[in-house]
PDB file of all heavy atoms in Angstrom:
ATOM      1  N   THR A   1      15.058  -8.705  -0.445  1.00  0.00           N
ATOM      2  CA  THR A   1      13.843  -8.509  -1.289  1.00  0.00           C
ATOM      3  C   THR A   1      12.628  -8.738  -0.390  1.00  0.00           C
ATOM      4  O   THR A   1      12.518  -9.777   0.238  1.00  0.00           O
ATOM      5  CB  THR A   1      13.801  -9.468  -2.425  1.00  0.00           C
ATOM      6  OG1 THR A   1      14.925  -9.237  -3.314  1.00  0.00           O
ATOM      7  CG2 THR A   1      12.507  -9.266  -3.240  1.00  0.00           C
ATOM      8  N   ALA A   2      11.752  -7.754  -0.362  1.00  0.00           N
ATOM      9  CA  ALA A   2      10.544  -7.874   0.442  1.00  0.00           C
ATOM     10  C   ALA A   2       9.300  -7.696  -0.388  1.00  0.00           C
ATOM     11  O   ALA A   2       9.213  -6.798  -1.247  1.00  0.00           O
ATOM     12  CB  ALA A   2      10.514  -6.762   1.577  1.00  0.00           C
ATOM     13  N   VAL A   3       8.334  -8.606  -0.229  1.00  0.00           N
ATOM     14  CA  VAL A   3       7.053  -8.517  -0.945  1.00  0.00           C
ATOM     15  C   VAL A   3       6.033  -7.918  -0.011  1.00  0.00           C
ATOM     16  O   VAL A   3       5.736  -8.398   1.029  1.00  0.00           O
ATOM     17  CB  VAL A   3       6.581  -9.947  -1.377  1.00  0.00           C
ATOM     18  CG1 VAL A   3       5.313  -9.798  -2.214  1.00  0.00           C
ATOM     19  CG2 VAL A   3       7.646 -10.652  -2.136  1.00  0.00           C
ATOM     20  N   LEU A   4       5.488  -6.790  -0.433  1.00  0.00           N
ATOM     21  CA  LEU A   4       4.485  -6.046   0.332  1.00  0.00           C
ATOM     22  C   LEU A   4       3.174  -6.137  -0.458  1.00  0.00           C
ATOM     23  O   LEU A   4       2.962  -5.424  -1.422  1.00  0.00           O
ATOM     24  CB  LEU A   4       4.842  -4.553   0.572  1.00  0.00           C
ATOM     25  CG  LEU A   4       6.269  -4.375   1.137  1.00  0.00           C
ATOM     26  CD1 LEU A   4       6.485  -2.851   1.324  1.00  0.00           C
ATOM     27  CD2 LEU A   4       6.388  -5.075   2.458  1.00  0.00           C
ATOM     28  N   ALA A   5       2.323  -7.066  -0.057  1.00  0.00           N
ATOM     29  CA  ALA A   5       1.114  -7.423  -0.891  1.00  0.00           C
ATOM     30  C   ALA A   5      -0.124  -6.767  -0.438  1.00  0.00           C
ATOM     31  O   ALA A   5      -1.191  -7.152  -0.891  1.00  0.00           O
ATOM     32  CB  ALA A   5       0.980  -8.937  -0.899  1.00  0.00           C
ATOM     33  N   GLU A   6      -0.111  -5.818   0.452  1.00  0.00           N
ATOM     34  CA  GLU A   6      -1.339  -5.332   1.022  1.00  0.00           C
ATOM     35  C   GLU A   6      -2.244  -4.540   0.089  1.00  0.00           C
ATOM     36  O   GLU A   6      -3.387  -4.277   0.393  1.00  0.00           O
ATOM     37  CB  GLU A   6      -1.033  -4.469   2.268  1.00  0.00           C
ATOM     38  CG  GLU A   6      -0.249  -3.187   1.997  1.00  0.00           C
ATOM     39  CD  GLU A   6      -0.005  -2.435   3.324  1.00  0.00           C
ATOM     40  OE1 GLU A   6      -0.860  -1.685   3.711  1.00  0.00           O
ATOM     41  OE2 GLU A   6       1.007  -2.691   3.981  1.00  0.00           O
ATOM     42  N   LEU A   7      -1.720  -4.210  -1.097  1.00  0.00           N
ATOM     43  CA  LEU A   7      -2.602  -3.511  -2.096  1.00  0.00           C
ATOM     44  C   LEU A   7      -3.425  -4.451  -2.911  1.00  0.00           C
ATOM     45  O   LEU A   7      -4.395  -3.986  -3.572  1.00  0.00           O
ATOM     46  CB  LEU A   7      -1.707  -2.700  -3.021  1.00  0.00           C
ATOM     47  CG  LEU A   7      -0.875  -1.563  -2.381  1.00  0.00           C
ATOM     48  CD1 LEU A   7       0.032  -0.910  -3.420  1.00  0.00           C
ATOM     49  CD2 LEU A   7      -1.817  -0.478  -1.737  1.00  0.00           C
ATOM     50  N   ILE A   8      -3.098  -5.735  -2.852  1.00  0.00           N
ATOM     51  CA  ILE A   8      -3.794  -6.681  -3.700  1.00  0.00           C
ATOM     52  C   ILE A   8      -5.296  -6.758  -3.419  1.00  0.00           C
ATOM     53  O   ILE A   8      -6.144  -6.642  -4.353  1.00  0.00           O
ATOM     54  CB  ILE A   8      -3.198  -8.122  -3.648  1.00  0.00           C
ATOM     55  CG1 ILE A   8      -1.745  -8.104  -4.114  1.00  0.00           C
ATOM     56  CG2 ILE A   8      -3.996  -9.094  -4.472  1.00  0.00           C
ATOM     57  CD1 ILE A   8      -1.073  -9.429  -3.989  1.00  0.00           C
ATOM     58  N   PRO A   9      -5.732  -6.937  -2.193  1.00  0.00           N
ATOM     59  CA  PRO A   9      -7.153  -7.101  -1.965  1.00  0.00           C
ATOM     60  C   PRO A   9      -8.025  -5.881  -2.383  1.00  0.00           C
ATOM     61  O   PRO A   9      -9.070  -6.076  -2.982  1.00  0.00           O
ATOM     62  CB  PRO A   9      -7.247  -7.277  -0.382  1.00  0.00           C
ATOM     63  CG  PRO A   9      -5.955  -7.812  -0.018  1.00  0.00           C
ATOM     64  CD  PRO A   9      -4.978  -7.112  -0.927  1.00  0.00           C
ATOM     65  N   SER A  10      -7.544  -4.690  -2.095  1.00  0.00           N
ATOM     66  CA  SER A  10      -8.351  -3.496  -2.488  1.00  0.00           C
ATOM     67  C   SER A  10      -8.360  -3.360  -3.982  1.00  0.00           C
ATOM     68  O   SER A  10      -9.380  -2.957  -4.565  1.00  0.00           O
ATOM     69  CB  SER A  10      -7.813  -2.302  -1.800  1.00  0.00           C
ATOM     70  OG  SER A  10      -6.410  -2.108  -2.026  1.00  0.00           O
ATOM     71  N   ALA A  11      -7.250  -3.647  -4.712  1.00  0.00           N
ATOM     72  CA  ALA A  11      -7.217  -3.589  -6.131  1.00  0.00           C
ATOM     73  C   ALA A  11      -8.145  -4.605  -6.764  1.00  0.00           C
ATOM     74  O   ALA A  11      -8.790  -4.391  -7.751  1.00  0.00           O
ATOM     75  CB  ALA A  11      -5.809  -3.690  -6.668  1.00  0.00           C
ATOM     76  N   GLN A  12      -8.127  -5.863  -6.244  1.00  0.00           N
ATOM     77  CA  GLN A  12      -8.934  -6.919  -6.812  1.00  0.00           C
ATOM     78  C   GLN A  12     -10.417  -6.592  -6.674  1.00  0.00           C
ATOM     79  O   GLN A  12     -11.196  -6.954  -7.584  1.00  0.00           O
ATOM     80  CB  GLN A  12      -8.662  -8.211  -6.050  1.00  0.00           C
ATOM     81  CG  GLN A  12      -7.255  -8.859  -6.346  1.00  0.00           C
ATOM     82  CD  GLN A  12      -7.209  -9.624  -7.625  1.00  0.00           C
ATOM     83  OE1 GLN A  12      -7.709  -9.128  -8.657  1.00  0.00           O
ATOM     84  NE2 GLN A  12      -6.636 -10.809  -7.583  1.00  0.00           N
ATOM     85  N   THR A  13     -10.839  -5.954  -5.556  1.00  0.00           N
ATOM     86  CA  THR A  13     -12.231  -5.629  -5.437  1.00  0.00           C
ATOM     87  C   THR A  13     -12.582  -4.205  -5.965  1.00  0.00           C
ATOM     88  O   THR A  13     -13.792  -3.842  -5.895  1.00  0.00           O
ATOM     89  CB  THR A  13     -12.626  -5.714  -3.984  1.00  0.00           C
ATOM     90  OG1 THR A  13     -11.800  -4.800  -3.179  1.00  0.00           O
ATOM     91  CG2 THR A  13     -12.402  -7.124  -3.407  1.00  0.00           C
ATOM     92  N   GLY A  14     -11.595  -3.460  -6.396  1.00  0.00           N
ATOM     93  CA  GLY A  14     -11.894  -2.117  -6.941  1.00  0.00           C
ATOM     94  C   GLY A  14     -12.222  -1.155  -5.870  1.00  0.00           C
ATOM     95  O   GLY A  14     -12.863  -0.114  -6.093  1.00  0.00           O
ATOM     96  N   ASP A  15     -11.753  -1.311  -4.630  1.00  0.00           N
ATOM     97  CA  ASP A  15     -11.950  -0.417  -3.556  1.00  0.00           C
ATOM     98  C   ASP A  15     -10.765   0.560  -3.549  1.00  0.00           C
ATOM     99  O   ASP A  15      -9.786   0.481  -2.800  1.00  0.00           O
ATOM    100  CB  ASP A  15     -12.043  -1.182  -2.190  1.00  0.00           C
ATOM    101  CG  ASP A  15     -12.427  -0.305  -1.031  1.00  0.00           C
ATOM    102  OD1 ASP A  15     -12.392   0.977  -1.221  1.00  0.00           O
ATOM    103  OD2 ASP A  15     -12.770  -0.807   0.048  1.00  0.00           O
ATOM    104  N   TRP A  16     -10.916   1.623  -4.346  1.00  0.00           N
ATOM    105  CA  TRP A  16      -9.747   2.528  -4.558  1.00  0.00           C
ATOM    106  C   TRP A  16      -9.551   3.507  -3.401  1.00  0.00           C
ATOM    107  O   TRP A  16      -8.453   3.990  -3.208  1.00  0.00           O
ATOM    108  CB  TRP A  16      -9.923   3.215  -5.877  1.00  0.00           C
ATOM    109  CG  TRP A  16      -9.957   2.253  -7.003  1.00  0.00           C
ATOM    110  CD1 TRP A  16     -11.024   1.903  -7.793  1.00  0.00           C
ATOM    111  CD2 TRP A  16      -8.892   1.382  -7.363  1.00  0.00           C
ATOM    112  NE1 TRP A  16     -10.671   0.881  -8.683  1.00  0.00           N
ATOM    113  CE2 TRP A  16      -9.334   0.569  -8.455  1.00  0.00           C
ATOM    114  CE3 TRP A  16      -7.566   1.209  -6.984  1.00  0.00           C
ATOM    115  CZ2 TRP A  16      -8.570  -0.388  -9.091  1.00  0.00           C
ATOM    116  CZ3 TRP A  16      -6.800   0.256  -7.569  1.00  0.00           C
ATOM    117  CH2 TRP A  16      -7.252  -0.516  -8.641  1.00  0.00           C
ATOM    118  N   ALA A  17     -10.571   3.733  -2.605  1.00  0.00           N
ATOM    119  CA  ALA A  17     -10.371   4.516  -1.379  1.00  0.00           C
ATOM    120  C   ALA A  17      -9.462   3.756  -0.437  1.00  0.00           C
ATOM    121  O   ALA A  17      -8.527   4.309   0.182  1.00  0.00           O
ATOM    122  CB  ALA A  17     -11.708   4.841  -0.742  1.00  0.00           C
ATOM    123  N   ASP A  18      -9.701   2.472  -0.300  1.00  0.00           N
ATOM    124  CA  ASP A  18      -8.841   1.624   0.530  1.00  0.00           C
ATOM    125  C   ASP A  18      -7.440   1.513  -0.038  1.00  0.00           C
ATOM    126  O   ASP A  18      -6.429   1.474   0.667  1.00  0.00           O
ATOM    127  CB  ASP A  18      -9.502   0.223   0.703  1.00  0.00           C
ATOM    128  CG  ASP A  18      -8.740  -0.628   1.684  1.00  0.00           C
ATOM    129  OD1 ASP A  18      -8.680  -0.242   2.869  1.00  0.00           O
ATOM    130  OD2 ASP A  18      -8.241  -1.735   1.300  1.00  0.00           O
ATOM    131  N   TRP A  19      -7.392   1.398  -1.358  1.00  0.00           N
ATOM    132  CA  TRP A  19      -6.043   1.328  -1.985  1.00  0.00           C
ATOM    133  C   TRP A  19      -5.245   2.602  -1.706  1.00  0.00           C
ATOM    134  O   TRP A  19      -4.059   2.488  -1.365  1.00  0.00           O
ATOM    135  CB  TRP A  19      -6.300   1.217  -3.538  1.00  0.00           C
ATOM    136  CG  TRP A  19      -5.043   1.095  -4.406  1.00  0.00           C
ATOM    137  CD1 TRP A  19      -4.418  -0.082  -4.709  1.00  0.00           C
ATOM    138  CD2 TRP A  19      -4.344   2.131  -5.025  1.00  0.00           C
ATOM    139  NE1 TRP A  19      -3.340   0.210  -5.527  1.00  0.00           N
ATOM    140  CE2 TRP A  19      -3.239   1.524  -5.712  1.00  0.00           C
ATOM    141  CE3 TRP A  19      -4.504   3.533  -5.032  1.00  0.00           C
ATOM    142  CZ2 TRP A  19      -2.325   2.331  -6.448  1.00  0.00           C
ATOM    143  CZ3 TRP A  19      -3.542   4.250  -5.755  1.00  0.00           C
ATOM    144  CH2 TRP A  19      -2.486   3.692  -6.468  1.00  0.00           C
ATOM    145  N   LEU A  20      -5.874   3.737  -1.768  1.00  0.00           N
ATOM    146  CA  LEU A  20      -5.186   5.007  -1.447  1.00  0.00           C
ATOM    147  C   LEU A  20      -4.700   5.039   0.002  1.00  0.00           C
ATOM    148  O   LEU A  20      -3.564   5.403   0.308  1.00  0.00           O
ATOM    149  CB  LEU A  20      -6.126   6.215  -1.711  1.00  0.00           C
ATOM    150  CG  LEU A  20      -6.370   6.517  -3.155  1.00  0.00           C
ATOM    151  CD1 LEU A  20      -7.516   7.562  -3.281  1.00  0.00           C
ATOM    152  CD2 LEU A  20      -5.108   7.108  -3.827  1.00  0.00           C
ATOM    153  N   ALA A  21      -5.592   4.563   0.881  1.00  0.00           N
ATOM    154  CA  ALA A  21      -5.225   4.535   2.292  1.00  0.00           C
ATOM    155  C   ALA A  21      -4.026   3.644   2.585  1.00  0.00           C
ATOM    156  O   ALA A  21      -3.133   3.946   3.341  1.00  0.00           O
ATOM    157  CB  ALA A  21      -6.447   4.178   3.143  1.00  0.00           C
ATOM    158  N   ARG A  22      -4.059   2.508   1.944  1.00  0.00           N
ATOM    159  CA  ARG A  22      -2.975   1.520   2.120  1.00  0.00           C
ATOM    160  C   ARG A  22      -1.670   2.048   1.565  1.00  0.00           C
ATOM    161  O   ARG A  22      -0.580   1.847   2.111  1.00  0.00           O
ATOM    162  CB  ARG A  22      -3.306   0.181   1.499  1.00  0.00           C
ATOM    163  CG  ARG A  22      -4.404  -0.575   2.240  1.00  0.00           C
ATOM    164  CD  ARG A  22      -4.883  -1.819   1.414  1.00  0.00           C
ATOM    165  NE  ARG A  22      -5.972  -2.548   2.146  1.00  0.00           N
ATOM    166  CZ  ARG A  22      -5.685  -3.683   2.803  1.00  0.00           C
ATOM    167  NH1 ARG A  22      -4.466  -4.185   2.868  1.00  0.00           N
ATOM    168  NH2 ARG A  22      -6.651  -4.306   3.434  1.00  0.00           N
ATOM    169  N   LEU A  23      -1.717   2.696   0.391  1.00  0.00           N
ATOM    170  CA  LEU A  23      -0.511   3.251  -0.206  1.00  0.00           C
ATOM    171  C   LEU A  23       0.021   4.398   0.677  1.00  0.00           C
ATOM    172  O   LEU A  23       1.271   4.569   0.801  1.00  0.00           O
ATOM    173  CB  LEU A  23      -0.767   3.730  -1.621  1.00  0.00           C
ATOM    174  CG  LEU A  23       0.419   3.930  -2.504  1.00  0.00           C
ATOM    175  CD1 LEU A  23       1.314   2.681  -2.556  1.00  0.00           C
ATOM    176  CD2 LEU A  23       0.017   4.251  -3.940  1.00  0.00           C
ATOM    177  N   GLN A  24      -0.839   5.172   1.302  1.00  0.00           N
ATOM    178  CA  GLN A  24      -0.367   6.228   2.197  1.00  0.00           C
ATOM    179  C   GLN A  24       0.338   5.605   3.372  1.00  0.00           C
ATOM    180  O   GLN A  24       1.320   6.126   3.851  1.00  0.00           O
ATOM    181  CB  GLN A  24      -1.571   7.090   2.675  1.00  0.00           C
ATOM    182  CG  GLN A  24      -2.241   7.881   1.623  1.00  0.00           C
ATOM    183  CD  GLN A  24      -1.397   9.061   1.092  1.00  0.00           C
ATOM    184  OE1 GLN A  24      -1.627   9.606   0.067  1.00  0.00           O
ATOM    185  NE2 GLN A  24      -0.341   9.401   1.886  1.00  0.00           N
ATOM    186  N   ARG A  25      -0.158   4.463   3.853  1.00  0.00           N
ATOM    187  CA  ARG A  25       0.496   3.766   4.952  1.00  0.00           C
ATOM    188  C   ARG A  25       1.858   3.233   4.584  1.00  0.00           C
ATOM    189  O   ARG A  25       2.822   3.319   5.366  1.00  0.00           O
ATOM    190  CB  ARG A  25      -0.365   2.632   5.505  1.00  0.00           C
ATOM    191  CG  ARG A  25       0.166   1.969   6.747  1.00  0.00           C
ATOM    192  CD  ARG A  25      -0.899   1.148   7.480  1.00  0.00           C
ATOM    193  NE  ARG A  25      -1.400   0.035   6.729  1.00  0.00           N
ATOM    194  CZ  ARG A  25      -2.628  -0.076   6.283  1.00  0.00           C
ATOM    195  NH1 ARG A  25      -3.523   0.882   6.495  1.00  0.00           N
ATOM    196  NH2 ARG A  25      -3.008  -1.124   5.600  1.00  0.00           N
ATOM    197  N   LEU A  26       2.017   2.749   3.329  1.00  0.00           N
ATOM    198  CA  LEU A  26       3.294   2.325   2.828  1.00  0.00           C
ATOM    199  C   LEU A  26       4.281   3.527   2.749  1.00  0.00           C
ATOM    200  O   LEU A  26       5.424   3.359   3.001  1.00  0.00           O
ATOM    201  CB  LEU A  26       3.142   1.695   1.416  1.00  0.00           C
ATOM    202  CG  LEU A  26       2.442   0.310   1.420  1.00  0.00           C
ATOM    203  CD1 LEU A  26       2.187  -0.132  -0.032  1.00  0.00           C
ATOM    204  CD2 LEU A  26       3.284  -0.721   2.140  1.00  0.00           C
ATOM    205  N   GLU A  27       3.731   4.664   2.412  1.00  0.00           N
ATOM    206  CA  GLU A  27       4.552   5.891   2.410  1.00  0.00           C
ATOM    207  C   GLU A  27       5.218   6.118   3.744  1.00  0.00           C
ATOM    208  O   GLU A  27       6.453   6.359   3.849  1.00  0.00           O
ATOM    209  CB  GLU A  27       3.737   7.045   2.016  1.00  0.00           C
ATOM    210  CG  GLU A  27       4.297   8.496   2.269  1.00  0.00           C
ATOM    211  CD  GLU A  27       5.380   8.849   1.226  1.00  0.00           C
ATOM    212  OE1 GLU A  27       5.515   8.142   0.230  1.00  0.00           O
ATOM    213  OE2 GLU A  27       6.050   9.896   1.416  1.00  0.00           O
ATOM    214  N   GLN A  28       4.396   6.041   4.846  1.00  0.00           N
ATOM    215  CA  GLN A  28       4.912   6.319   6.168  1.00  0.00           C
ATOM    216  C   GLN A  28       5.877   5.182   6.659  1.00  0.00           C
ATOM    217  O   GLN A  28       6.884   5.481   7.297  1.00  0.00           O
ATOM    218  CB  GLN A  28       3.727   6.484   7.141  1.00  0.00           C
ATOM    219  CG  GLN A  28       2.827   7.640   6.773  1.00  0.00           C
ATOM    220  CD  GLN A  28       3.559   8.978   6.741  1.00  0.00           C
ATOM    221  OE1 GLN A  28       4.368   9.281   7.597  1.00  0.00           O
ATOM    222  NE2 GLN A  28       3.273   9.750   5.677  1.00  0.00           N
ATOM    223  N   GLU A  29       5.464   3.980   6.416  1.00  0.00           N
ATOM    224  CA  GLU A  29       6.187   2.815   7.007  1.00  0.00           C
ATOM    225  C   GLU A  29       7.350   2.327   6.154  1.00  0.00           C
ATOM    226  O   GLU A  29       8.280   1.700   6.710  1.00  0.00           O
ATOM    227  CB  GLU A  29       5.203   1.653   7.245  1.00  0.00           C
ATOM    228  CG  GLU A  29       4.092   1.989   8.224  1.00  0.00           C
ATOM    229  CD  GLU A  29       3.119   0.824   8.419  1.00  0.00           C
ATOM    230  OE1 GLU A  29       3.297  -0.216   7.711  1.00  0.00           O
ATOM    231  OE2 GLU A  29       2.181   0.993   9.194  1.00  0.00           O
ATOM    232  N   TRP A  30       7.376   2.645   4.895  1.00  0.00           N
ATOM    233  CA  TRP A  30       8.397   2.075   3.999  1.00  0.00           C
ATOM    234  C   TRP A  30       9.123   3.143   3.187  1.00  0.00           C
ATOM    235  O   TRP A  30      10.338   3.227   3.228  1.00  0.00           O
ATOM    236  CB  TRP A  30       7.829   0.986   3.087  1.00  0.00           C
ATOM    237  CG  TRP A  30       7.498  -0.241   3.790  1.00  0.00           C
ATOM    238  CD1 TRP A  30       6.310  -0.605   4.393  1.00  0.00           C
ATOM    239  CD2 TRP A  30       8.413  -1.343   4.046  1.00  0.00           C
ATOM    240  NE1 TRP A  30       6.406  -1.826   5.008  1.00  0.00           N
ATOM    241  CE2 TRP A  30       7.664  -2.294   4.820  1.00  0.00           C
ATOM    242  CE3 TRP A  30       9.703  -1.560   3.705  1.00  0.00           C
ATOM    243  CZ2 TRP A  30       8.274  -3.504   5.196  1.00  0.00           C
ATOM    244  CZ3 TRP A  30      10.339  -2.759   4.122  1.00  0.00           C
ATOM    245  CH2 TRP A  30       9.589  -3.719   4.840  1.00  0.00           C
ATOM    246  N   PHE A  31       8.387   3.894   2.363  1.00  0.00           N
ATOM    247  CA  PHE A  31       9.067   4.812   1.457  1.00  0.00           C
ATOM    248  C   PHE A  31       9.856   5.918   2.117  1.00  0.00           C
ATOM    249  O   PHE A  31      11.011   6.186   1.776  1.00  0.00           O
ATOM    250  CB  PHE A  31       8.075   5.402   0.454  1.00  0.00           C
ATOM    251  CG  PHE A  31       7.182   4.372  -0.263  1.00  0.00           C
ATOM    252  CD1 PHE A  31       5.880   4.592  -0.517  1.00  0.00           C
ATOM    253  CD2 PHE A  31       7.734   3.176  -0.691  1.00  0.00           C
ATOM    254  CE1 PHE A  31       5.071   3.663  -1.194  1.00  0.00           C
ATOM    255  CE2 PHE A  31       7.015   2.210  -1.344  1.00  0.00           C
ATOM    256  CZ  PHE A  31       5.638   2.489  -1.601  1.00  0.00           C
ATOM    257  N   ALA A  32       9.234   6.537   3.128  1.00  0.00           N
ATOM    258  CA  ALA A  32       9.971   7.643   3.822  1.00  0.00           C
ATOM    259  C   ALA A  32      11.177   7.119   4.555  1.00  0.00           C
ATOM    260  O   ALA A  32      12.294   7.734   4.433  1.00  0.00           O
ATOM    261  CB  ALA A  32       9.009   8.310   4.807  1.00  0.00           C
ATOM    262  N   PRO A  33      11.095   6.035   5.380  1.00  0.00           N
ATOM    263  CA  PRO A  33      12.349   5.536   5.992  1.00  0.00           C
ATOM    264  C   PRO A  33      13.386   5.059   5.011  1.00  0.00           C
ATOM    265  O   PRO A  33      14.594   5.261   5.242  1.00  0.00           O
ATOM    266  CB  PRO A  33      11.810   4.338   6.845  1.00  0.00           C
ATOM    267  CG  PRO A  33      10.369   4.592   7.016  1.00  0.00           C
ATOM    268  CD  PRO A  33       9.935   5.307   5.801  1.00  0.00           C
ATOM    269  N   LEU A  34      13.016   4.425   3.930  1.00  0.00           N
ATOM    270  CA  LEU A  34      14.013   4.011   2.937  1.00  0.00           C
ATOM    271  C   LEU A  34      14.640   5.137   2.208  1.00  0.00           C
ATOM    272  O   LEU A  34      15.881   5.153   1.944  1.00  0.00           O
ATOM    273  CB  LEU A  34      13.362   3.035   1.913  1.00  0.00           C
ATOM    274  CG  LEU A  34      13.180   1.660   2.346  1.00  0.00           C
ATOM    275  CD1 LEU A  34      12.440   0.825   1.304  1.00  0.00           C
ATOM    276  CD2 LEU A  34      14.495   0.990   2.718  1.00  0.00           C
ATOM    277  N   LEU A  35      13.882   6.191   1.926  1.00  0.00           N
ATOM    278  CA  LEU A  35      14.451   7.431   1.319  1.00  0.00           C
ATOM    279  C   LEU A  35      15.483   8.049   2.256  1.00  0.00           C
ATOM    280  O   LEU A  35      16.560   8.452   1.805  1.00  0.00           O
ATOM    281  CB  LEU A  35      13.355   8.414   0.961  1.00  0.00           C
ATOM    282  CG  LEU A  35      13.824   9.728   0.354  1.00  0.00           C
ATOM    283  CD1 LEU A  35      14.518   9.490  -0.979  1.00  0.00           C
ATOM    284  CD2 LEU A  35      12.628  10.713   0.182  1.00  0.00           C
TER     285      LEU A  35
END
C-alpha cells in the first residue's frame, strides 16, 4: 500500500492548474506503469 499525497497541497489551496499538472505526473509515473 502506497500513499501518494502530492495532490493535497494544491487541493487545499484551490490551485487546480497545479492539481491537474500533478495528476498528469501521477499518470506517467504510476498509472501507466501499473496498467
